[in-house]
């Protein structure tokens, strides 16, 4: 169904959605100029990947993902075992601004208490 709109953007978007993309691409003697599925043979062959190549690419991506995960786990383990972590945590803070208190945000403490009660109630009834 087409929308008649005075807004040129909406009219343009409506025109784009009038012929939705259907993934069954074909190259044949289709004479419908508005066919969104007609693709020249050269384009289809450019998009087509032989199965062995596709399997190789997927295996390569999976291996890269595994390697990145292993690297990230090692970094996290080194961070957890950092002997200087306690010394870093005990460094004096040069920040002179005071910490925020409930008086800085009137009503916030009551709202948080209400949210916690609602969450607790929701968990108990679920």
Protein backbone atom coordinates (compact mmCIF):
# COMPACT_ATOMS: atom_id res chain seq x y z
CA UNK A 1 0.00 0.00 0.00
CA UNK A 2 1.46 3.31 -1.05
CA UNK A 3 1.32 6.40 1.14
CA UNK A 4 0.60 9.73 -0.50
CA UNK A 5 2.60 12.19 1.54
CA UNK A 6 3.52 15.82 0.94
CA UNK A 7 6.75 15.13 2.83
CA UNK A 8 9.37 14.24 0.18
CA UNK A 9 11.40 12.06 2.58
CA UNK A 10 8.39 9.91 3.49
CA UNK A 11 7.36 9.67 -0.16
CA UNK A 12 10.90 8.58 -1.10
CA UNK A 13 11.05 5.98 1.70
CA UNK A 14 7.64 4.68 0.66
CA UNK A 15 8.93 4.24 -2.87
CA UNK A 16 11.90 2.26 -1.60
CA UNK A 17 9.75 -0.09 0.44
CA UNK A 18 7.25 -0.64 -2.37
CA UNK A 19 9.48 -3.34 -3.91
CA UNK A 20 10.95 -5.25 -0.96
CA UNK A 21 14.17 -7.19 -1.39
CA UNK A 22 13.53 -10.89 -1.85
CA UNK A 23 16.71 -12.93 -1.48
CA UNK A 24 16.04 -15.21 -4.47
CA UNK A 25 18.25 -13.38 -6.93
CA UNK A 26 17.91 -14.44 -10.53
CA UNK A 27 19.26 -13.67 -13.95
CA UNK A 28 16.72 -14.50 -16.57
CA UNK A 29 14.58 -12.93 -19.26
CA UNK A 30 12.46 -11.10 -16.70
CA UNK A 31 11.01 -8.05 -18.43
CA UNK A 32 9.73 -6.38 -15.26
CA UNK A 33 11.85 -3.23 -14.93
CA UNK A 34 10.84 -2.82 -11.27
CA UNK A 35 11.91 -6.38 -10.33
CA UNK A 36 14.14 -6.11 -7.28
CA UNK A 37 15.44 -9.66 -7.75
CA UNK A 38 16.96 -9.34 -11.22
CA UNK A 39 20.73 -9.30 -11.00
CA UNK A 40 23.14 -9.63 -13.93
CA UNK A 41 25.09 -12.91 -14.02
CA UNK A 42 28.35 -11.06 -13.39
CA UNK A 43 26.95 -9.70 -10.12
CA UNK A 44 25.68 -13.10 -8.96
CA UNK A 45 29.06 -14.73 -9.66
CA UNK A 46 30.78 -11.92 -7.73
CA UNK A 47 28.59 -12.65 -4.71
CA UNK A 48 28.83 -16.43 -4.96
CA UNK A 49 31.57 -18.09 -2.89
CA UNK A 50 32.55 -21.73 -3.39
CA UNK A 51 31.69 -23.88 -0.36
CA UNK A 52 35.34 -24.81 0.47
CA UNK A 53 36.26 -21.11 0.50
CA UNK A 54 33.26 -20.27 2.69
CA UNK A 55 34.24 -23.05 5.14
CA UNK A 56 37.83 -21.74 5.19
CA UNK A 57 36.63 -18.19 5.92
CA UNK A 58 34.31 -19.34 8.72
CA UNK A 59 37.09 -21.47 10.26
CA UNK A 60 39.47 -18.51 10.04
CA UNK A 61 36.98 -16.20 11.77
CA UNK A 62 36.27 -18.79 14.48
CA UNK A 63 40.02 -19.26 15.11
CA UNK A 64 40.49 -15.49 15.34
CA UNK A 65 37.59 -15.25 17.79
CA UNK A 66 39.07 -18.03 19.95
CA UNK A 67 42.50 -16.35 19.91
CA UNK A 68 41.05 -12.97 20.90
CA UNK A 69 39.07 -14.60 23.73
CA UNK A 70 42.20 -16.38 24.99
CA UNK A 71 44.18 -13.13 24.82
CA UNK A 72 41.47 -11.27 26.73
CA UNK A 73 41.34 -13.96 29.43
CA UNK A 74 45.12 -13.77 29.87
CA UNK A 75 44.97 -9.98 30.20
CA UNK A 76 42.21 -10.28 32.81
CA UNK A 77 44.18 -12.95 34.71
CA UNK A 78 47.29 -10.75 34.75
CA UNK A 79 45.16 -7.87 36.04
CA UNK A 80 43.64 -10.02 38.80
CA UNK A 81 47.11 -11.18 39.88
CA UNK A 82 48.76 -7.74 39.71
CA UNK A 83 51.06 -7.47 42.75
CA UNK A 84 50.90 -3.66 42.59
CA UNK A 85 47.10 -3.51 42.70
CA UNK A 86 46.94 -2.96 46.49
CA UNK A 87 49.60 -0.25 46.33
CA UNK A 88 47.72 1.50 43.54
CA UNK A 89 44.48 1.34 45.52
CA UNK A 90 46.16 2.88 48.56
CA UNK A 91 47.49 5.94 46.70
CA UNK A 92 46.12 9.18 48.11
CA UNK A 93 43.32 10.78 46.14
CA UNK A 94 44.04 14.35 45.07
CA UNK A 95 40.36 15.12 44.56
CA UNK A 96 39.30 17.97 46.85
CA UNK A 97 35.58 17.87 46.07
CA UNK A 98 33.43 16.27 48.74
CA UNK A 99 31.50 13.11 48.06
CA UNK A 100 27.86 13.38 47.11
CA UNK A 101 25.33 12.81 49.87
CA UNK A 102 21.58 12.14 49.93
CA UNK A 103 21.05 15.86 50.59
CA UNK A 104 22.54 16.61 47.16
CA UNK A 105 19.74 14.60 45.50
CA UNK A 106 16.49 15.12 47.41
CA UNK A 107 14.09 12.20 47.06
CA UNK A 108 16.64 9.91 45.41
CA UNK A 109 17.17 7.67 48.45
CA UNK A 110 13.41 7.16 48.78
CA UNK A 111 13.12 6.39 45.07
CA UNK A 112 15.95 3.83 45.25
CA UNK A 113 14.29 2.20 48.26
CA UNK A 114 11.01 2.02 46.33
CA UNK A 115 12.76 0.50 43.27
CA UNK A 116 14.48 -2.11 45.42
CA UNK A 117 11.15 -3.06 46.97
CA UNK A 118 9.52 -3.35 43.53
CA UNK A 119 12.40 -5.48 42.25
CA UNK A 120 12.20 -7.75 45.30
CA UNK A 121 8.44 -8.10 44.86
CA UNK A 122 8.84 -8.90 41.16
CA UNK A 123 11.45 -11.59 41.90
CA UNK A 124 9.26 -13.22 44.52
CA UNK A 125 6.21 -13.35 42.23
CA UNK A 126 8.11 -14.60 39.18
